[in-house]
């Protein structure tokens, strides 16, 4: 009986959170601040991983989330705001929101960069109201 309640609770949470578990256009408090943070995060990535600069030069677009905060205790969530770069210029703002459940406890902050290497991948981002990348267990270090 307790297991059935837990499953029902998790399914309810998943269905309630499903519309927001995506990257979608952000309602940023300060575009200038996001631009600055995303540019700094991308510069730091290029400095630490020189191969990323080569990849970035070939990419049709780069979606950078400079600060995603993930927190949870059994149930968790994450949120971050980012910017899409096209040819080195800011081309749009996005946010990422996710919910999770399972063995987890704590708070962490991390950055994330997604390189779109083809026009079709970038077009998918532009056309969709959101997208999902990866479903299942994950580990962030």
Protein backbone atom coordinates (compact mmCIF):
# COMPACT_ATOMS: atom_id res chain seq x y z
CA UNK A 1 0.00 0.00 0.00
CA UNK A 2 2.81 2.41 0.91
CA UNK A 3 4.62 1.58 -2.33
CA UNK A 4 1.47 2.32 -4.34
CA UNK A 5 1.19 5.73 -2.66
CA UNK A 6 4.82 6.49 -3.43
CA UNK A 7 4.35 5.53 -7.08
CA UNK A 8 1.17 7.62 -7.29
CA UNK A 9 2.99 10.58 -5.72
CA UNK A 10 5.91 10.31 -8.11
CA UNK A 11 3.63 10.01 -11.14
CA UNK A 12 1.64 13.03 -10.00
CA UNK A 13 4.85 15.04 -9.61
CA UNK A 14 6.06 13.94 -13.04
CA UNK A 15 2.81 14.94 -14.74
CA UNK A 16 2.63 18.25 -12.90
CA UNK A 17 6.27 19.09 -13.69
CA UNK A 18 6.29 17.70 -17.27
CA UNK A 19 5.42 21.00 -19.00
CA UNK A 20 8.46 22.63 -17.40
CA UNK A 21 11.02 19.84 -17.80
CA UNK A 22 12.64 21.33 -20.87
CA UNK A 23 14.77 24.11 -22.17
CA UNK A 24 12.45 26.87 -23.28
CA UNK A 25 12.68 30.60 -23.89
CA UNK A 26 13.80 32.21 -20.64
CA UNK A 27 12.15 35.05 -18.83
CA UNK A 28 15.44 36.43 -17.61
CA UNK A 29 15.60 39.11 -14.96
CA UNK A 30 18.62 40.69 -16.60
CA UNK A 31 19.69 39.87 -20.15
CA UNK A 32 22.94 41.79 -19.67
CA UNK A 33 23.84 39.67 -16.64
CA UNK A 34 23.11 36.42 -18.44
CA UNK A 35 25.14 37.60 -21.46
CA UNK A 36 28.08 38.45 -19.21
CA UNK A 37 27.94 35.18 -17.25
CA UNK A 38 27.49 33.01 -20.35
CA UNK A 39 30.35 34.74 -22.18
CA UNK A 40 32.60 34.27 -19.14
CA UNK A 41 31.62 30.60 -18.81
CA UNK A 42 32.34 29.96 -22.49
CA UNK A 43 35.71 31.74 -22.22
CA UNK A 44 36.56 29.61 -19.17
CA UNK A 45 35.60 26.43 -21.06
CA UNK A 46 37.81 27.46 -24.00
CA UNK A 47 40.69 28.19 -21.61
CA UNK A 48 40.43 24.87 -19.76
CA UNK A 49 39.62 22.70 -22.79
CA UNK A 50 41.33 24.09 -25.92
CA UNK A 51 39.55 21.53 -28.13
CA UNK A 52 36.25 23.19 -27.19
CA UNK A 53 37.35 26.35 -29.01
CA UNK A 54 37.81 24.33 -32.22
CA UNK A 55 34.42 22.73 -31.70
CA UNK A 56 32.87 26.15 -31.03
CA UNK A 57 34.32 27.57 -34.25
CA UNK A 58 32.62 24.79 -36.23
CA UNK A 59 29.30 24.91 -34.34
CA UNK A 60 26.22 26.53 -35.87
CA UNK A 61 25.16 27.59 -32.38
CA UNK A 62 26.18 27.19 -28.74
CA UNK A 63 23.65 27.15 -25.91
CA UNK A 64 25.39 28.12 -22.66
CA UNK A 65 23.89 27.79 -19.19
CA UNK A 66 26.53 29.35 -16.93
CA UNK A 67 24.91 28.49 -13.60
CA UNK A 68 22.43 25.66 -13.13
CA UNK A 69 21.46 24.97 -9.53
CA UNK A 70 20.35 21.44 -8.67
CA UNK A 71 18.98 20.59 -5.22
CA UNK A 72 17.14 17.69 -3.72
CA UNK A 73 16.51 15.18 -1.02
CA UNK A 74 14.87 12.12 -2.60
CA UNK A 75 12.87 14.54 -4.78
CA UNK A 76 14.83 17.26 -6.51
CA UNK A 77 14.77 20.03 -9.02
CA UNK A 78 17.08 22.20 -11.05
CA UNK A 79 16.91 25.58 -12.73
CA UNK A 80 19.23 27.70 -14.83
CA UNK A 81 19.13 30.49 -17.39
CA UNK A 82 21.27 30.64 -20.49
CA UNK A 83 21.92 32.24 -23.83
CA UNK A 84 22.18 30.91 -27.37
CA UNK A 85 25.19 32.15 -29.32
CA UNK A 86 25.06 32.16 -33.13
CA UNK A 87 28.27 33.22 -34.86
CA UNK A 88 29.52 34.69 -31.57
CA UNK A 89 26.46 36.91 -31.01
CA UNK A 90 23.67 36.52 -28.47
CA UNK A 91 20.69 35.12 -30.37
CA UNK A 92 18.16 34.12 -27.72
CA UNK A 93 17.55 33.30 -24.09
CA UNK A 94 16.54 29.95 -22.64
CA UNK A 95 15.99 28.32 -19.30
CA UNK A 96 16.29 24.76 -18.13
CA UNK A 97 13.97 23.29 -15.54
CA UNK A 98 13.93 19.68 -14.40
CA UNK A 99 12.54 17.49 -11.66
CA UNK A 100 13.97 14.22 -10.44
CA UNK A 101 13.49 11.55 -7.84
CA UNK A 102 15.64 8.82 -6.41
CA UNK A 103 18.63 8.52 -4.14
CA UNK A 104 19.89 12.11 -3.93
CA UNK A 105 20.70 14.67 -1.27
CA UNK A 106 22.36 18.06 -1.45
CA UNK A 107 22.81 21.14 -3.57
CA UNK A 108 25.20 21.70 -6.44
CA UNK A 109 25.82 24.33 -9.06
CA UNK A 110 27.27 23.65 -12.50
CA UNK A 111 27.58 25.11 -15.98
CA UNK A 112 26.50 23.47 -19.20
CA UNK A 113 27.32 24.14 -22.85
CA UNK A 114 25.53 22.48 -25.75
CA UNK A 115 27.16 22.71 -29.19
CA UNK A 116 24.77 22.51 -32.17
CA UNK A 117 26.90 21.24 -35.04
CA UNK A 118 24.30 21.16 -37.83
CA UNK A 119 21.74 23.58 -39.20
CA UNK A 120 19.01 20.98 -38.65
CA UNK A 121 19.85 20.64 -34.95
CA UNK A 122 19.74 24.40 -34.54
CA UNK A 123 16.51 24.62 -36.55
CA UNK A 124 14.93 22.06 -34.22
CA UNK A 125 15.76 24.26 -31.25
CA UNK A 126 14.29 27.31 -32.99
CA UNK A 127 11.08 25.53 -34.03
CA UNK A 128 10.32 23.63 -30.84
CA UNK A 129 8.73 25.05 -27.72
CA UNK A 130 11.23 23.08 -25.70
CA UNK A 131 13.30 19.98 -25.99
CA UNK A 132 14.47 17.12 -23.86
CA UNK A 133 18.00 15.82 -23.76
CA UNK A 134 18.64 12.63 -21.89
CA UNK A 135 16.22 10.74 -19.73
CA UNK A 136 17.39 8.45 -17.00
CA UNK A 137 20.00 8.30 -14.30
CA UNK A 138 22.74 10.91 -14.34
CA UNK A 139 25.79 11.87 -12.34
CA UNK A 140 27.27 15.36 -12.22
CA UNK A 141 30.84 15.81 -11.00
